Amino acid sequence: MKNTNQINIPEAREAMDKFKMEAANEVGVNLKQGYNGHLTSREAGSVGGQMVKKMIEAYERSMK
């Protein structure tokens, strides 16, 4: 199976990894560097949901 979750700007990978770690910390999910196959679907979804929530908040702030 090919991973299609590609970052369009390779230089942004480090920032996205940091963002993901911050979001995981906020929802109480213990992430480690690299592969996190041990996460449940609920945990992974809560991290992704938190990231989306923060991106929407940042966009809404930029529209003011």
C-alpha atoms as a PDB file:
ATOM      1  CA  MET A   1       0.000   0.000   0.000  1.00  0.00           C
ATOM      2  CA  LYS A   2       1.372   3.399  -1.006  1.00  0.00           C
ATOM      3  CA  ASN A   3       1.218   6.246   1.512  1.00  0.00           C
ATOM      4  CA  THR A   4      -0.525   9.199  -0.139  1.00  0.00           C
ATOM      5  CA  ASN A   5      -0.111  11.562   2.819  1.00  0.00           C
ATOM      6  CA  GLN A   6       2.591  13.634   1.161  1.00  0.00           C
ATOM      7  CA  ILE A   7       3.637  17.083   2.322  1.00  0.00           C
ATOM      8  CA  ASN A   8       3.588  19.403  -0.681  1.00  0.00           C
ATOM      9  CA  ILE A   9       6.475  21.509   0.620  1.00  0.00           C
ATOM     10  CA  PRO A  10       9.233  19.198   1.910  1.00  0.00           C
ATOM     11  CA  GLU A  11      10.720  21.955   4.076  1.00  0.00           C
ATOM     12  CA  ALA A  12       7.485  22.014   6.096  1.00  0.00           C
ATOM     13  CA  ARG A  13       7.886  18.458   7.430  1.00  0.00           C
ATOM     14  CA  GLU A  14       9.653  19.500  10.642  1.00  0.00           C
ATOM     15  CA  ALA A  15       7.025  22.155  11.400  1.00  0.00           C
ATOM     16  CA  MET A  16       4.190  19.684  10.737  1.00  0.00           C
ATOM     17  CA  ASP A  17       5.807  17.081  13.001  1.00  0.00           C
ATOM     18  CA  LYS A  18       6.097  19.674  15.776  1.00  0.00           C
ATOM     19  CA  PHE A  19       2.480  20.729  15.206  1.00  0.00           C
ATOM     20  CA  LYS A  20       1.349  17.102  15.419  1.00  0.00           C
ATOM     21  CA  MET A  21       3.266  16.558  18.677  1.00  0.00           C
ATOM     22  CA  GLU A  22       1.723  19.710  20.198  1.00  0.00           C
ATOM     23  CA  ALA A  23      -1.783  18.617  19.187  1.00  0.00           C
ATOM     24  CA  ALA A  24      -1.202  15.125  20.615  1.00  0.00           C
ATOM     25  CA  ASN A  25       0.027  16.601  23.878  1.00  0.00           C
ATOM     26  CA  GLU A  26      -3.083  18.814  24.113  1.00  0.00           C
ATOM     27  CA  VAL A  27      -5.425  15.817  23.819  1.00  0.00           C
ATOM     28  CA  GLY A  28      -3.316  13.552  26.042  1.00  0.00           C
ATOM     29  CA  VAL A  29      -2.019  11.138  23.396  1.00  0.00           C
ATOM     30  CA  ASN A  30       1.531   9.871  23.806  1.00  0.00           C
ATOM     31  CA  LEU A  31       3.253  10.119  20.416  1.00  0.00           C
ATOM     32  CA  LYS A  32       6.799   9.079  19.706  1.00  0.00           C
ATOM     33  CA  GLN A  33       9.020  10.150  16.824  1.00  0.00           C
ATOM     34  CA  GLY A  34       8.478   8.056  13.707  1.00  0.00           C
ATOM     35  CA  TYR A  35       5.845   5.380  13.269  1.00  0.00           C
ATOM     36  CA  ASN A  36       2.996   5.312  15.812  1.00  0.00           C
ATOM     37  CA  GLY A  37       1.209   2.111  14.843  1.00  0.00           C
ATOM     38  CA  HIS A  38       0.393   1.425  18.475  1.00  0.00           C
ATOM     39  CA  LEU A  39      -2.263   4.170  18.527  1.00  0.00           C
ATOM     40  CA  THR A  40      -5.907   3.262  18.527  1.00  0.00           C
ATOM     41  CA  SER A  41      -8.146   4.749  15.853  1.00  0.00           C
ATOM     42  CA  ARG A  42      -9.709   6.932  18.524  1.00  0.00           C
ATOM     43  CA  GLU A  43      -6.328   8.314  19.609  1.00  0.00           C
ATOM     44  CA  ALA A  44      -5.166   8.962  16.046  1.00  0.00           C
ATOM     45  CA  GLY A  45      -8.482  10.601  15.213  1.00  0.00           C
ATOM     46  CA  SER A  46      -8.330  12.858  18.248  1.00  0.00           C
ATOM     47  CA  VAL A  47      -4.860  14.067  17.222  1.00  0.00           C
ATOM     48  CA  GLY A  48      -5.990  14.734  13.651  1.00  0.00           C
ATOM     49  CA  GLY A  49      -9.156  16.414  14.871  1.00  0.00           C
ATOM     50  CA  GLN A  50      -7.189  18.680  17.186  1.00  0.00           C
ATOM     51  CA  MET A  51      -4.867  19.637  14.326  1.00  0.00           C
ATOM     52  CA  VAL A  52      -7.828  20.536  12.097  1.00  0.00           C
ATOM     53  CA  LYS A  53      -9.449  22.511  14.915  1.00  0.00           C
ATOM     54  CA  LYS A  54      -6.273  24.546  15.430  1.00  0.00           C
ATOM     55  CA  MET A  55      -5.876  25.159  11.681  1.00  0.00           C
ATOM     56  CA  ILE A  56      -9.460  26.420  11.420  1.00  0.00           C
ATOM     57  CA  GLU A  57      -8.953  28.699  14.439  1.00  0.00           C
ATOM     58  CA  ALA A  58      -5.776  30.122  12.885  1.00  0.00           C
ATOM     59  CA  TYR A  59      -7.562  30.724   9.579  1.00  0.00           C
ATOM     60  CA  GLU A  60     -10.487  32.424  11.294  1.00  0.00           C
ATOM     61  CA  ARG A  61      -8.095  34.697  13.228  1.00  0.00           C
ATOM     62  CA  SER A  62      -6.363  35.639   9.976  1.00  0.00           C
ATOM     63  CA  MET A  63      -9.682  36.727   8.462  1.00  0.00           C
ATOM     64  CA  LYS A  64     -10.277  39.433  11.117  1.00  0.00           C
END
